[in-house]
Amino acid sequence: KELLKALLRDRIGRIGFIGVCLVIIVGLFAPVIAPYSPIEIFKDS
């Protein structure tokens, strides 16, 4: 808890922490976030 508080007080550390969280969230919720299937083919596009 103290480590997280110290990390969020650090401006640069906060940027890194938010970036890592965003990547993890995108990976975990890829089926919700992604508009299409990753293997779906649009032949006209």
PDB file of all heavy atoms in Angstrom:
ATOM      1  N   LYS A   1       0.825  -1.202   0.000  1.00  0.00           N
ATOM      2  CA  LYS A   1       0.000   0.000   0.000  1.00  0.00           C
ATOM      3  C   LYS A   1       0.861   1.254   0.000  1.00  0.00           C
ATOM      4  O   LYS A   1       0.610   2.208  -0.754  1.00  0.00           O
ATOM      5  CB  LYS A   1      -0.919  -0.016   1.231  1.00  0.00           C
ATOM      6  CG  LYS A   1      -1.913   1.126   1.281  1.00  0.00           C
ATOM      7  CD  LYS A   1      -2.825   0.987   2.490  1.00  0.00           C
ATOM      8  CE  LYS A   1      -3.825   2.139   2.540  1.00  0.00           C
ATOM      9  NZ  LYS A   1      -4.727   2.024   3.721  1.00  0.00           N
ATOM     10  N   GLU A   2       1.914   1.243   0.837  1.00  0.00           N
ATOM     11  CA  GLU A   2       2.818   2.391   0.885  1.00  0.00           C
ATOM     12  C   GLU A   2       3.584   2.540  -0.421  1.00  0.00           C
ATOM     13  O   GLU A   2       3.833   3.656  -0.896  1.00  0.00           O
ATOM     14  CB  GLU A   2       3.795   2.234   2.062  1.00  0.00           C
ATOM     15  CG  GLU A   2       3.138   2.298   3.431  1.00  0.00           C
ATOM     16  CD  GLU A   2       2.465   3.639   3.666  1.00  0.00           C
ATOM     17  OE1 GLU A   2       3.014   4.668   3.218  1.00  0.00           O
ATOM     18  OE2 GLU A   2       1.381   3.662   4.282  1.00  0.00           O
ATOM     19  N   LEU A   3       3.960   1.407  -1.011  1.00  0.00           N
ATOM     20  CA  LEU A   3       4.676   1.440  -2.291  1.00  0.00           C
ATOM     21  C   LEU A   3       3.804   2.045  -3.379  1.00  0.00           C
ATOM     22  O   LEU A   3       4.270   2.863  -4.185  1.00  0.00           O
ATOM     23  CB  LEU A   3       5.107   0.021  -2.677  1.00  0.00           C
ATOM     24  CG  LEU A   3       5.786  -0.143  -4.042  1.00  0.00           C
ATOM     25  CD1 LEU A   3       7.080   0.660  -4.092  1.00  0.00           C
ATOM     26  CD2 LEU A   3       6.062  -1.612  -4.324  1.00  0.00           C
ATOM     27  N   LEU A   4       2.524   1.660  -3.421  1.00  0.00           N
ATOM     28  CA  LEU A   4       1.612   2.191  -4.428  1.00  0.00           C
ATOM     29  C   LEU A   4       1.408   3.692  -4.241  1.00  0.00           C
ATOM     30  O   LEU A   4       1.379   4.450  -5.216  1.00  0.00           O
ATOM     31  CB  LEU A   4       0.274   1.457  -4.344  1.00  0.00           C
ATOM     32  CG  LEU A   4      -0.780   1.849  -5.389  1.00  0.00           C
ATOM     33  CD1 LEU A   4      -0.251   1.606  -6.794  1.00  0.00           C
ATOM     34  CD2 LEU A   4      -2.075   1.077  -5.166  1.00  0.00           C
ATOM     35  N   LYS A   5       1.302   4.136  -2.981  1.00  0.00           N
ATOM     36  CA  LYS A   5       1.145   5.563  -2.714  1.00  0.00           C
ATOM     37  C   LYS A   5       2.366   6.344  -3.181  1.00  0.00           C
ATOM     38  O   LYS A   5       2.248   7.408  -3.804  1.00  0.00           O
ATOM     39  CB  LYS A   5       0.920   5.789  -1.217  1.00  0.00           C
ATOM     40  CG  LYS A   5      -0.456   5.372  -0.716  1.00  0.00           C
ATOM     41  CD  LYS A   5      -0.590   5.689   0.769  1.00  0.00           C
ATOM     42  CE  LYS A   5      -1.972   5.321   1.287  1.00  0.00           C
ATOM     43  NZ  LYS A   5      -2.112   5.607   2.741  1.00  0.00           N
ATOM     44  N   ALA A   6       3.559   5.821  -2.865  1.00  0.00           N
ATOM     45  CA  ALA A   6       4.795   6.488  -3.283  1.00  0.00           C
ATOM     46  C   ALA A   6       4.913   6.521  -4.798  1.00  0.00           C
ATOM     47  O   ALA A   6       5.375   7.512  -5.379  1.00  0.00           O
ATOM     48  CB  ALA A   6       6.002   5.785  -2.672  1.00  0.00           C
ATOM     49  N   LEU A   7       4.474   5.447  -5.449  1.00  0.00           N
ATOM     50  CA  LEU A   7       4.551   5.374  -6.904  1.00  0.00           C
ATOM     51  C   LEU A   7       3.615   6.385  -7.553  1.00  0.00           C
ATOM     52  O   LEU A   7       3.981   7.050  -8.529  1.00  0.00           O
ATOM     53  CB  LEU A   7       4.189   3.956  -7.362  1.00  0.00           C
ATOM     54  CG  LEU A   7       4.355   3.634  -8.847  1.00  0.00           C
ATOM     55  CD1 LEU A   7       5.805   3.770  -9.261  1.00  0.00           C
ATOM     56  CD2 LEU A   7       3.842   2.226  -9.136  1.00  0.00           C
ATOM     57  N   LEU A   8       2.423   6.531  -7.013  1.00  0.00           N
ATOM     58  CA  LEU A   8       1.451   7.469  -7.581  1.00  0.00           C
ATOM     59  C   LEU A   8       1.822   8.921  -7.305  1.00  0.00           C
ATOM     60  O   LEU A   8       1.386   9.819  -8.018  1.00  0.00           O
ATOM     61  CB  LEU A   8       0.054   7.164  -7.036  1.00  0.00           C
ATOM     62  CG  LEU A   8      -0.542   5.812  -7.471  1.00  0.00           C
ATOM     63  CD1 LEU A   8      -1.900   5.596  -6.842  1.00  0.00           C
ATOM     64  CD2 LEU A   8      -0.629   5.722  -8.994  1.00  0.00           C
ATOM     65  N   ARG A   9       2.632   9.153  -6.255  1.00  0.00           N
ATOM     66  CA  ARG A   9       3.097  10.518  -5.988  1.00  0.00           C
ATOM     67  C   ARG A   9       4.183  10.947  -6.965  1.00  0.00           C
ATOM     68  O   ARG A   9       4.394  12.142  -7.177  1.00  0.00           O
ATOM     69  CB  ARG A   9       3.625  10.620  -4.545  1.00  0.00           C
ATOM     70  CG  ARG A   9       2.529  10.690  -3.483  1.00  0.00           C
ATOM     71  CD  ARG A   9       3.098  11.169  -2.157  1.00  0.00           C
ATOM     72  NE  ARG A   9       4.123  10.270  -1.654  1.00  0.00           N
ATOM     73  CZ  ARG A   9       3.874   9.280  -0.798  1.00  0.00           C
ATOM     74  NH1 ARG A   9       2.645   9.071  -0.349  1.00  0.00           N
ATOM     75  NH2 ARG A   9       4.858   8.512  -0.365  1.00  0.00           N
ATOM     76  N   ASP A  10       4.869   9.959  -7.536  1.00  0.00           N
ATOM     77  CA  ASP A  10       5.929  10.249  -8.504  1.00  0.00           C
ATOM     78  C   ASP A  10       5.308  10.442  -9.884  1.00  0.00           C
ATOM     79  O   ASP A  10       4.655   9.540 -10.409  1.00  0.00           O
ATOM     80  CB  ASP A  10       6.936   9.086  -8.520  1.00  0.00           C
ATOM     81  CG  ASP A  10       8.073   9.315  -9.492  1.00  0.00           C
ATOM     82  OD1 ASP A  10       8.240  10.465  -9.960  1.00  0.00           O
ATOM     83  OD2 ASP A  10       8.802   8.355  -9.792  1.00  0.00           O
ATOM     84  N   ARG A  11       5.496  11.604 -10.489  1.00  0.00           N
ATOM     85  CA  ARG A  11       4.847  11.911 -11.769  1.00  0.00           C
ATOM     86  C   ARG A  11       5.275  10.945 -12.864  1.00  0.00           C
ATOM     87  O   ARG A  11       4.439  10.419 -13.607  1.00  0.00           O
ATOM     88  CB  ARG A  11       5.162  13.351 -12.192  1.00  0.00           C
ATOM     89  CG  ARG A  11       4.447  13.778 -13.470  1.00  0.00           C
ATOM     90  CD  ARG A  11       4.745  15.226 -13.793  1.00  0.00           C
ATOM     91  NE  ARG A  11       6.167  15.445 -14.006  1.00  0.00           N
ATOM     92  CZ  ARG A  11       6.715  16.627 -14.282  1.00  0.00           C
ATOM     93  NH1 ARG A  11       5.939  17.697 -14.340  1.00  0.00           N
ATOM     94  NH2 ARG A  11       8.007  16.752 -14.469  1.00  0.00           N
ATOM     95  N   ILE A  12       6.567  10.683 -12.973  1.00  0.00           N
ATOM     96  CA  ILE A  12       7.055   9.765 -14.001  1.00  0.00           C
ATOM     97  C   ILE A  12       6.587   8.344 -13.707  1.00  0.00           C
ATOM     98  O   ILE A  12       6.156   7.612 -14.609  1.00  0.00           O
ATOM     99  CB  ILE A  12       8.597   9.819 -14.083  1.00  0.00           C
ATOM    100  CG1 ILE A  12       9.056  11.246 -14.405  1.00  0.00           C
ATOM    101  CG2 ILE A  12       9.105   8.838 -15.145  1.00  0.00           C
ATOM    102  CD1 ILE A  12       8.548  11.778 -15.723  1.00  0.00           C
ATOM    103  N   GLY A  13       6.676   7.954 -12.433  1.00  0.00           N
ATOM    104  CA  GLY A  13       6.221   6.615 -12.063  1.00  0.00           C
ATOM    105  C   GLY A  13       4.738   6.433 -12.328  1.00  0.00           C
ATOM    106  O   GLY A  13       4.294   5.344 -12.720  1.00  0.00           O
ATOM    107  N   ARG A  14       3.970   7.482 -12.133  1.00  0.00           N
ATOM    108  CA  ARG A  14       2.532   7.423 -12.374  1.00  0.00           C
ATOM    109  C   ARG A  14       2.248   7.169 -13.853  1.00  0.00           C
ATOM    110  O   ARG A  14       1.341   6.400 -14.201  1.00  0.00           O
ATOM    111  CB  ARG A  14       1.881   8.723 -11.915  1.00  0.00           C
ATOM    112  CG  ARG A  14       0.373   8.707 -11.942  1.00  0.00           C
ATOM    113  CD  ARG A  14      -0.216   9.828 -11.096  1.00  0.00           C
ATOM    114  NE  ARG A  14       0.235  11.141 -11.550  1.00  0.00           N
ATOM    115  CZ  ARG A  14       0.969  11.977 -10.818  1.00  0.00           C
ATOM    116  NH1 ARG A  14       1.363  11.631  -9.602  1.00  0.00           N
ATOM    117  NH2 ARG A  14       1.312  13.165 -11.279  1.00  0.00           N
ATOM    118  N   ILE A  15       3.044   7.786 -14.715  1.00  0.00           N
ATOM    119  CA  ILE A  15       2.870   7.570 -16.158  1.00  0.00           C
ATOM    120  C   ILE A  15       3.149   6.109 -16.519  1.00  0.00           C
ATOM    121  O   ILE A  15       2.388   5.483 -17.266  1.00  0.00           O
ATOM    122  CB  ILE A  15       3.799   8.514 -16.956  1.00  0.00           C
ATOM    123  CG1 ILE A  15       3.370   9.976 -16.764  1.00  0.00           C
ATOM    124  CG2 ILE A  15       3.792   8.151 -18.438  1.00  0.00           C
ATOM    125  CD1 ILE A  15       4.315  10.974 -17.381  1.00  0.00           C
ATOM    126  N   GLY A  16       4.250   5.573 -15.995  1.00  0.00           N
ATOM    127  CA  GLY A  16       4.580   4.182 -16.264  1.00  0.00           C
ATOM    128  C   GLY A  16       3.534   3.227 -15.727  1.00  0.00           C
ATOM    129  O   GLY A  16       3.153   2.257 -16.396  1.00  0.00           O
ATOM    130  N   PHE A  17       3.051   3.502 -14.516  1.00  0.00           N
ATOM    131  CA  PHE A  17       2.041   2.646 -13.895  1.00  0.00           C
ATOM    132  C   PHE A  17       0.751   2.661 -14.701  1.00  0.00           C
ATOM    133  O   PHE A  17       0.150   1.603 -14.958  1.00  0.00           O
ATOM    134  CB  PHE A  17       1.780   3.122 -12.462  1.00  0.00           C
ATOM    135  CG  PHE A  17       0.744   2.321 -11.724  1.00  0.00           C
ATOM    136  CD1 PHE A  17       1.033   1.052 -11.270  1.00  0.00           C
ATOM    137  CD2 PHE A  17      -0.522   2.846 -11.501  1.00  0.00           C
ATOM    138  CE1 PHE A  17       0.071   0.305 -10.595  1.00  0.00           C
ATOM    139  CE2 PHE A  17      -1.489   2.115 -10.829  1.00  0.00           C
ATOM    140  CZ  PHE A  17      -1.188   0.841 -10.374  1.00  0.00           C
ATOM    141  N   ILE A  18       0.320   3.832 -15.138  1.00  0.00           N
ATOM    142  CA  ILE A  18      -0.907   3.936 -15.936  1.00  0.00           C
ATOM    143  C   ILE A  18      -0.731   3.222 -17.277  1.00  0.00           C
ATOM    144  O   ILE A  18      -1.635   2.518 -17.753  1.00  0.00           O
ATOM    145  CB  ILE A  18      -1.284   5.409 -16.152  1.00  0.00           C
ATOM    146  CG1 ILE A  18      -1.700   6.054 -14.823  1.00  0.00           C
ATOM    147  CG2 ILE A  18      -2.410   5.541 -17.178  1.00  0.00           C
ATOM    148  CD1 ILE A  18      -1.933   7.548 -14.903  1.00  0.00           C
ATOM    149  N   GLY A  19       0.455   3.386 -17.889  1.00  0.00           N
ATOM    150  CA  GLY A  19       0.711   2.714 -19.159  1.00  0.00           C
ATOM    151  C   GLY A  19       0.661   1.204 -19.042  1.00  0.00           C
ATOM    152  O   GLY A  19       0.060   0.516 -19.879  1.00  0.00           O
ATOM    153  N   VAL A  20       1.269   0.668 -17.984  1.00  0.00           N
ATOM    154  CA  VAL A  20       1.247  -0.783 -17.759  1.00  0.00           C
ATOM    155  C   VAL A  20      -0.174  -1.264 -17.509  1.00  0.00           C
ATOM    156  O   VAL A  20      -0.598  -2.298 -18.048  1.00  0.00           O
ATOM    157  CB  VAL A  20       2.169  -1.149 -16.578  1.00  0.00           C
ATOM    158  CG1 VAL A  20       1.963  -2.601 -16.157  1.00  0.00           C
ATOM    159  CG2 VAL A  20       3.627  -0.918 -16.949  1.00  0.00           C
ATOM    160  N   CYS A  21      -0.925  -0.520 -16.696  1.00  0.00           N
ATOM    161  CA  CYS A  21      -2.319  -0.891 -16.415  1.00  0.00           C
ATOM    162  C   CYS A  21      -3.153  -0.901 -17.688  1.00  0.00           C
ATOM    163  O   CYS A  21      -3.994  -1.799 -17.894  1.00  0.00           O
ATOM    164  CB  CYS A  21      -2.921   0.053 -15.384  1.00  0.00           C
ATOM    165  SG  CYS A  21      -2.271  -0.160 -13.715  1.00  0.00           S
ATOM    166  N   LEU A  22      -2.931   0.068 -18.564  1.00  0.00           N
ATOM    167  CA  LEU A  22      -3.693   0.134 -19.812  1.00  0.00           C
ATOM    168  C   LEU A  22      -3.407  -1.074 -20.703  1.00  0.00           C
ATOM    169  O   LEU A  22      -4.329  -1.656 -21.291  1.00  0.00           O
ATOM    170  CB  LEU A  22      -3.365   1.432 -20.559  1.00  0.00           C
ATOM    171  CG  LEU A  22      -3.971   2.719 -19.993  1.00  0.00           C
ATOM    172  CD1 LEU A  22      -3.478   3.930 -20.775  1.00  0.00           C
ATOM    173  CD2 LEU A  22      -5.493   2.661 -20.005  1.00  0.00           C
ATOM    174  N   VAL A  23      -2.128  -1.450 -20.793  1.00  0.00           N
ATOM    175  CA  VAL A  23      -1.775  -2.616 -21.612  1.00  0.00           C
ATOM    176  C   VAL A  23      -2.418  -3.878 -21.055  1.00  0.00           C
ATOM    177  O   VAL A  23      -2.961  -4.711 -21.806  1.00  0.00           O
ATOM    178  CB  VAL A  23      -0.242  -2.776 -21.681  1.00  0.00           C
ATOM    179  CG1 VAL A  23       0.132  -4.074 -22.393  1.00  0.00           C
ATOM    180  CG2 VAL A  23       0.385  -1.593 -22.395  1.00  0.00           C
ATOM    181  N   ILE A  24      -2.380  -4.034 -19.739  1.00  0.00           N
ATOM    182  CA  ILE A  24      -2.976  -5.213 -19.107  1.00  0.00           C
ATOM    183  C   ILE A  24      -4.487  -5.230 -19.324  1.00  0.00           C
ATOM    184  O   ILE A  24      -5.077  -6.280 -19.636  1.00  0.00           O
ATOM    185  CB  ILE A  24      -2.644  -5.242 -17.609  1.00  0.00           C
ATOM    186  CG1 ILE A  24      -1.141  -5.444 -17.413  1.00  0.00           C
ATOM    187  CG2 ILE A  24      -3.423  -6.344 -16.894  1.00  0.00           C
ATOM    188  CD1 ILE A  24      -0.684  -5.360 -15.971  1.00  0.00           C
ATOM    189  N   ILE A  25      -5.128  -4.072 -19.184  1.00  0.00           N
ATOM    190  CA  ILE A  25      -6.574  -3.991 -19.390  1.00  0.00           C
ATOM    191  C   ILE A  25      -6.941  -4.324 -20.832  1.00  0.00           C
ATOM    192  O   ILE A  25      -7.900  -5.071 -21.091  1.00  0.00           O
ATOM    193  CB  ILE A  25      -7.084  -2.583 -19.015  1.00  0.00           C
ATOM    194  CG1 ILE A  25      -7.008  -2.383 -17.495  1.00  0.00           C
ATOM    195  CG2 ILE A  25      -8.526  -2.380 -19.492  1.00  0.00           C
ATOM    196  CD1 ILE A  25      -7.299  -0.964 -17.045  1.00  0.00           C
ATOM    197  N   VAL A  26      -6.189  -3.777 -21.784  1.00  0.00           N
ATOM    198  CA  VAL A  26      -6.453  -4.075 -23.198  1.00  0.00           C
ATOM    199  C   VAL A  26      -6.305  -5.565 -23.473  1.00  0.00           C
ATOM    200  O   VAL A  26      -7.128  -6.173 -24.178  1.00  0.00           O
ATOM    201  CB  VAL A  26      -5.502  -3.261 -24.106  1.00  0.00           C
ATOM    202  CG1 VAL A  26      -5.579  -3.759 -25.549  1.00  0.00           C
ATOM    203  CG2 VAL A  26      -5.852  -1.786 -24.055  1.00  0.00           C
ATOM    204  N   GLY A  27      -5.261  -6.195 -22.890  1.00  0.00           N
ATOM    205  CA  GLY A  27      -5.072  -7.622 -23.092  1.00  0.00           C
ATOM    206  C   GLY A  27      -6.172  -8.457 -22.473  1.00  0.00           C
ATOM    207  O   GLY A  27      -6.692  -9.398 -23.090  1.00  0.00           O
ATOM    208  N   LEU A  28      -6.562  -8.115 -21.242  1.00  0.00           N
ATOM    209  CA  LEU A  28      -7.583  -8.895 -20.541  1.00  0.00           C
ATOM    210  C   LEU A  28      -8.957  -8.760 -21.191  1.00  0.00           C
ATOM    211  O   LEU A  28      -9.720  -9.728 -21.286  1.00  0.00           O
ATOM    212  CB  LEU A  28      -7.655  -8.459 -19.072  1.00  0.00           C
ATOM    213  CG  LEU A  28      -6.467  -8.847 -18.179  1.00  0.00           C
ATOM    214  CD1 LEU A  28      -6.655  -8.270 -16.790  1.00  0.00           C
ATOM    215  CD2 LEU A  28      -6.316 -10.365 -18.098  1.00  0.00           C
ATOM    216  N   PHE A  29      -9.272  -7.548 -21.637  1.00  0.00           N
ATOM    217  CA  PHE A  29     -10.606  -7.285 -22.175  1.00  0.00           C
ATOM    218  C   PHE A  29     -10.588  -7.105 -23.695  1.00  0.00           C
ATOM    219  O   PHE A  29     -11.424  -6.380 -24.242  1.00  0.00           O
ATOM    220  CB  PHE A  29     -11.208  -6.044 -21.504  1.00  0.00           C
ATOM    221  CG  PHE A  29     -11.396  -6.201 -20.022  1.00  0.00           C
ATOM    222  CD1 PHE A  29     -10.458  -5.679 -19.143  1.00  0.00           C
ATOM    223  CD2 PHE A  29     -12.482  -6.887 -19.510  1.00  0.00           C
ATOM    224  CE1 PHE A  29     -10.622  -5.820 -17.774  1.00  0.00           C
ATOM    225  CE2 PHE A  29     -12.655  -7.035 -18.148  1.00  0.00           C
ATOM    226  CZ  PHE A  29     -11.724  -6.502 -17.272  1.00  0.00           C
ATOM    227  N   ALA A  30      -9.642  -7.771 -24.359  1.00  0.00           N
ATOM    228  CA  ALA A  30      -9.537  -7.673 -25.814  1.00  0.00           C
ATOM    229  C   ALA A  30     -10.833  -8.051 -26.527  1.00  0.00           C
ATOM    230  O   ALA A  30     -11.241  -7.368 -27.481  1.00  0.00           O
ATOM    231  CB  ALA A  30      -8.379  -8.535 -26.320  1.00  0.00           C
ATOM    232  N   PRO A  31     -11.557  -9.110 -26.105  1.00  0.00           N
ATOM    233  CA  PRO A  31     -12.813  -9.443 -26.807  1.00  0.00           C
ATOM    234  C   PRO A  31     -13.866  -8.336 -26.711  1.00  0.00           C
ATOM    235  O   PRO A  31     -14.731  -8.231 -27.585  1.00  0.00           O
ATOM    236  CB  PRO A  31     -13.295 -10.708 -26.082  1.00  0.00           C
ATOM    237  CG  PRO A  31     -12.052 -11.306 -25.495  1.00  0.00           C
ATOM    238  CD  PRO A  31     -11.205 -10.131 -25.101  1.00  0.00           C
ATOM    239  N   VAL A  32     -13.789  -7.517 -25.656  1.00  0.00           N
ATOM    240  CA  VAL A  32     -14.751  -6.424 -25.484  1.00  0.00           C
ATOM    241  C   VAL A  32     -14.294  -5.167 -26.221  1.00  0.00           C
ATOM    242  O   VAL A  32     -15.099  -4.467 -26.841  1.00  0.00           O
ATOM    243  CB  VAL A  32     -14.951  -6.119 -23.983  1.00  0.00           C
ATOM    244  CG1 VAL A  32     -15.910  -4.948 -23.795  1.00  0.00           C
ATOM    245  CG2 VAL A  32     -15.457  -7.356 -23.254  1.00  0.00           C
ATOM    246  N   ILE A  33     -12.992  -4.894 -26.153  1.00  0.00           N
ATOM    247  CA  ILE A  33     -12.453  -3.663 -26.732  1.00  0.00           C
ATOM    248  C   ILE A  33     -12.323  -3.760 -28.251  1.00  0.00           C
ATOM    249  O   ILE A  33     -12.637  -2.806 -28.976  1.00  0.00           O
ATOM    250  CB  ILE A  33     -11.094  -3.337 -26.095  1.00  0.00           C
ATOM    251  CG1 ILE A  33     -11.265  -3.094 -24.584  1.00  0.00           C
ATOM    252  CG2 ILE A  33     -10.445  -2.127 -26.752  1.00  0.00           C
ATOM    253  CD1 ILE A  33      -9.955  -2.919 -23.848  1.00  0.00           C
ATOM    254  N   ALA A  34     -11.848  -4.909 -28.735  1.00  0.00           N
ATOM    255  CA  ALA A  34     -11.611  -5.063 -30.175  1.00  0.00           C
ATOM    256  C   ALA A  34     -12.928  -5.021 -30.937  1.00  0.00           C
ATOM    257  O   ALA A  34     -13.885  -5.725 -30.582  1.00  0.00           O
ATOM    258  CB  ALA A  34     -10.886  -6.380 -30.446  1.00  0.00           C
ATOM    259  N   PRO A  35     -12.997  -4.229 -31.996  1.00  0.00           N
ATOM    260  CA  PRO A  35     -14.259  -4.128 -32.758  1.00  0.00           C
ATOM    261  C   PRO A  35     -14.571  -5.370 -33.586  1.00  0.00           C
ATOM    262  O   PRO A  35     -15.727  -5.621 -33.918  1.00  0.00           O
ATOM    263  CB  PRO A  35     -14.034  -2.906 -33.652  1.00  0.00           C
ATOM    264  CG  PRO A  35     -12.552  -2.767 -33.755  1.00  0.00           C
ATOM    265  CD  PRO A  35     -11.987  -3.263 -32.457  1.00  0.00           C
ATOM    266  N   TYR A  36     -13.546  -6.139 -33.953  1.00  0.00           N
ATOM    267  CA  TYR A  36     -13.749  -7.326 -34.777  1.00  0.00           C
ATOM    268  C   TYR A  36     -12.911  -8.475 -34.246  1.00  0.00           C
ATOM    269  O   TYR A  36     -12.069  -8.297 -33.355  1.00  0.00           O
ATOM    270  CB  TYR A  36     -13.354  -7.052 -36.242  1.00  0.00           C
ATOM    271  CG  TYR A  36     -14.021  -5.846 -36.848  1.00  0.00           C
ATOM    272  CD1 TYR A  36     -13.329  -4.635 -36.972  1.00  0.00           C
ATOM    273  CD2 TYR A  36     -15.340  -5.904 -37.304  1.00  0.00           C
ATOM    274  CE1 TYR A  36     -13.938  -3.517 -37.527  1.00  0.00           C
ATOM    275  CE2 TYR A  36     -15.948  -4.785 -37.865  1.00  0.00           C
ATOM    276  CZ  TYR A  36     -15.247  -3.602 -37.969  1.00  0.00           C
ATOM    277  OH  TYR A  36     -15.847  -2.499 -38.513  1.00  0.00           O
ATOM    278  N   SER A  37     -13.117  -9.634 -34.793  1.00  0.00           N
ATOM    279  CA  SER A  37     -12.263 -10.781 -34.491  1.00  0.00           C
ATOM    280  C   SER A  37     -10.888 -10.541 -35.115  1.00  0.00           C
ATOM    281  O   SER A  37     -10.799  -9.985 -36.225  1.00  0.00           O
ATOM    282  CB  SER A  37     -12.879 -12.060 -35.051  1.00  0.00           C
ATOM    283  OG  SER A  37     -11.932 -13.114 -35.027  1.00  0.00           O
ATOM    284  N   PRO A  38      -9.794 -10.961 -34.468  1.00  0.00           N
ATOM    285  CA  PRO A  38      -8.464 -10.703 -35.025  1.00  0.00           C
ATOM    286  C   PRO A  38      -8.180 -11.490 -36.303  1.00  0.00           C
ATOM    287  O   PRO A  38      -7.240 -11.165 -37.026  1.00  0.00           O
ATOM    288  CB  PRO A  38      -7.526 -11.128 -33.894  1.00  0.00           C
ATOM    289  CG  PRO A  38      -8.301 -12.129 -33.116  1.00  0.00           C
ATOM    290  CD  PRO A  38      -9.731 -11.646 -33.166  1.00  0.00           C
ATOM    291  N   ILE A  39      -8.984 -12.525 -36.559  1.00  0.00           N
ATOM    292  CA  ILE A  39      -8.753 -13.325 -37.778  1.00  0.00           C
ATOM    293  C   ILE A  39      -9.861 -13.127 -38.812  1.00  0.00           C
ATOM    294  O   ILE A  39      -9.870 -13.804 -39.842  1.00  0.00           O
ATOM    295  CB  ILE A  39      -8.615 -14.827 -37.432  1.00  0.00           C
ATOM    296  CG1 ILE A  39      -9.886 -15.337 -36.739  1.00  0.00           C
ATOM    297  CG2 ILE A  39      -7.403 -15.055 -36.553  1.00  0.00           C
ATOM    298  CD1 ILE A  39      -9.872 -16.836 -36.491  1.00  0.00           C
ATOM    299  N   GLU A  40     -10.774 -12.204 -38.531  1.00  0.00           N
ATOM    300  CA  GLU A  40     -11.852 -11.936 -39.492  1.00  0.00           C
ATOM    301  C   GLU A  40     -11.298 -11.196 -40.696  1.00  0.00           C
ATOM    302  O   GLU A  40     -10.567 -10.209 -40.563  1.00  0.00           O
ATOM    303  CB  GLU A  40     -12.957 -11.120 -38.829  1.00  0.00           C
ATOM    304  CG  GLU A  40     -14.172 -10.904 -39.717  1.00  0.00           C
ATOM    305  CD  GLU A  40     -15.291 -10.174 -39.000  1.00  0.00           C
ATOM    306  OE1 GLU A  40     -15.121  -9.865 -37.796  1.00  0.00           O
ATOM    307  OE2 GLU A  40     -16.324  -9.906 -39.646  1.00  0.00           O
ATOM    308  N   ILE A  41     -11.652 -11.679 -41.886  1.00  0.00           N
ATOM    309  CA  ILE A  41     -11.129 -11.123 -43.132  1.00  0.00           C
ATOM    310  C   ILE A  41     -12.220 -10.338 -43.862  1.00  0.00           C
ATOM    311  O   ILE A  41     -13.331 -10.841 -44.063  1.00  0.00           O
ATOM    312  CB  ILE A  41     -10.584 -12.241 -44.043  1.00  0.00           C
ATOM    313  CG1 ILE A  41      -9.370 -12.912 -43.395  1.00  0.00           C
ATOM    314  CG2 ILE A  41     -10.222 -11.687 -45.420  1.00  0.00           C
ATOM    315  CD1 ILE A  41      -8.834 -14.097 -44.175  1.00  0.00           C
ATOM    316  N   PHE A  42     -11.876  -9.108 -44.230  1.00  0.00           N
ATOM    317  CA  PHE A  42     -12.768  -8.268 -45.031  1.00  0.00           C
ATOM    318  C   PHE A  42     -12.165  -8.169 -46.438  1.00  0.00           C
ATOM    319  O   PHE A  42     -11.252  -7.369 -46.678  1.00  0.00           O
ATOM    320  CB  PHE A  42     -12.910  -6.884 -44.398  1.00  0.00           C
ATOM    321  CG  PHE A  42     -13.522  -6.909 -43.020  1.00  0.00           C
ATOM    322  CD1 PHE A  42     -12.723  -7.052 -41.899  1.00  0.00           C
ATOM    323  CD2 PHE A  42     -14.899  -6.811 -42.860  1.00  0.00           C
ATOM    324  CE1 PHE A  42     -13.276  -7.078 -40.627  1.00  0.00           C
ATOM    325  CE2 PHE A  42     -15.459  -6.842 -41.594  1.00  0.00           C
ATOM    326  CZ  PHE A  42     -14.652  -6.982 -40.471  1.00  0.00           C
ATOM    327  N   LYS A  43     -12.658  -8.977 -47.346  1.00  0.00           N
ATOM    328  CA  LYS A  43     -12.057  -9.098 -48.665  1.00  0.00           C
ATOM    329  C   LYS A  43     -12.120  -7.805 -49.474  1.00  0.00           C
ATOM    330  O   LYS A  43     -11.300  -7.587 -50.374  1.00  0.00           O
ATOM    331  CB  LYS A  43     -12.737 -10.228 -49.444  1.00  0.00           C
ATOM    332  CG  LYS A  43     -12.520 -11.604 -48.829  1.00  0.00           C
ATOM    333  CD  LYS A  43     -13.177 -12.693 -49.673  1.00  0.00           C
ATOM    334  CE  LYS A  43     -12.941 -14.064 -49.062  1.00  0.00           C
ATOM    335  NZ  LYS A  43     -13.580 -15.153 -49.858  1.00  0.00           N
ATOM    336  N   ASP A  44     -13.081  -6.960 -49.159  1.00  0.00           N
ATOM    337  CA  ASP A  44     -13.223  -5.701 -49.901  1.00  0.00           C
ATOM    338  C   ASP A  44     -12.425  -4.568 -49.263  1.00  0.00           C
ATOM    339  O   ASP A  44     -12.524  -3.411 -49.710  1.00  0.00           O
ATOM    340  CB  ASP A  44     -14.696  -5.296 -49.972  1.00  0.00           C
ATOM    341  CG  ASP A  44     -15.542  -6.297 -50.740  1.00  0.00           C
ATOM    342  OD1 ASP A  44     -14.990  -6.953 -51.639  1.00  0.00           O
ATOM    343  OD2 ASP A  44     -16.742  -6.445 -50.414  1.00  0.00           O
ATOM    344  N   SER A  45     -11.632  -4.872 -48.231  1.00  0.00           N
ATOM    345  CA  SER A  45     -10.911  -3.811 -47.511  1.00  0.00           C
ATOM    346  C   SER A  45      -9.446  -4.180 -47.316  1.00  0.00           C
ATOM    347  O   SER A  45      -8.888  -4.039 -46.226  1.00  0.00           O
ATOM    348  CB  SER A  45     -11.583  -3.556 -46.149  1.00  0.00           C
ATOM    349  OG  SER A  45     -12.933  -3.221 -46.297  1.00  0.00           O
TER     350      SER A  45
END
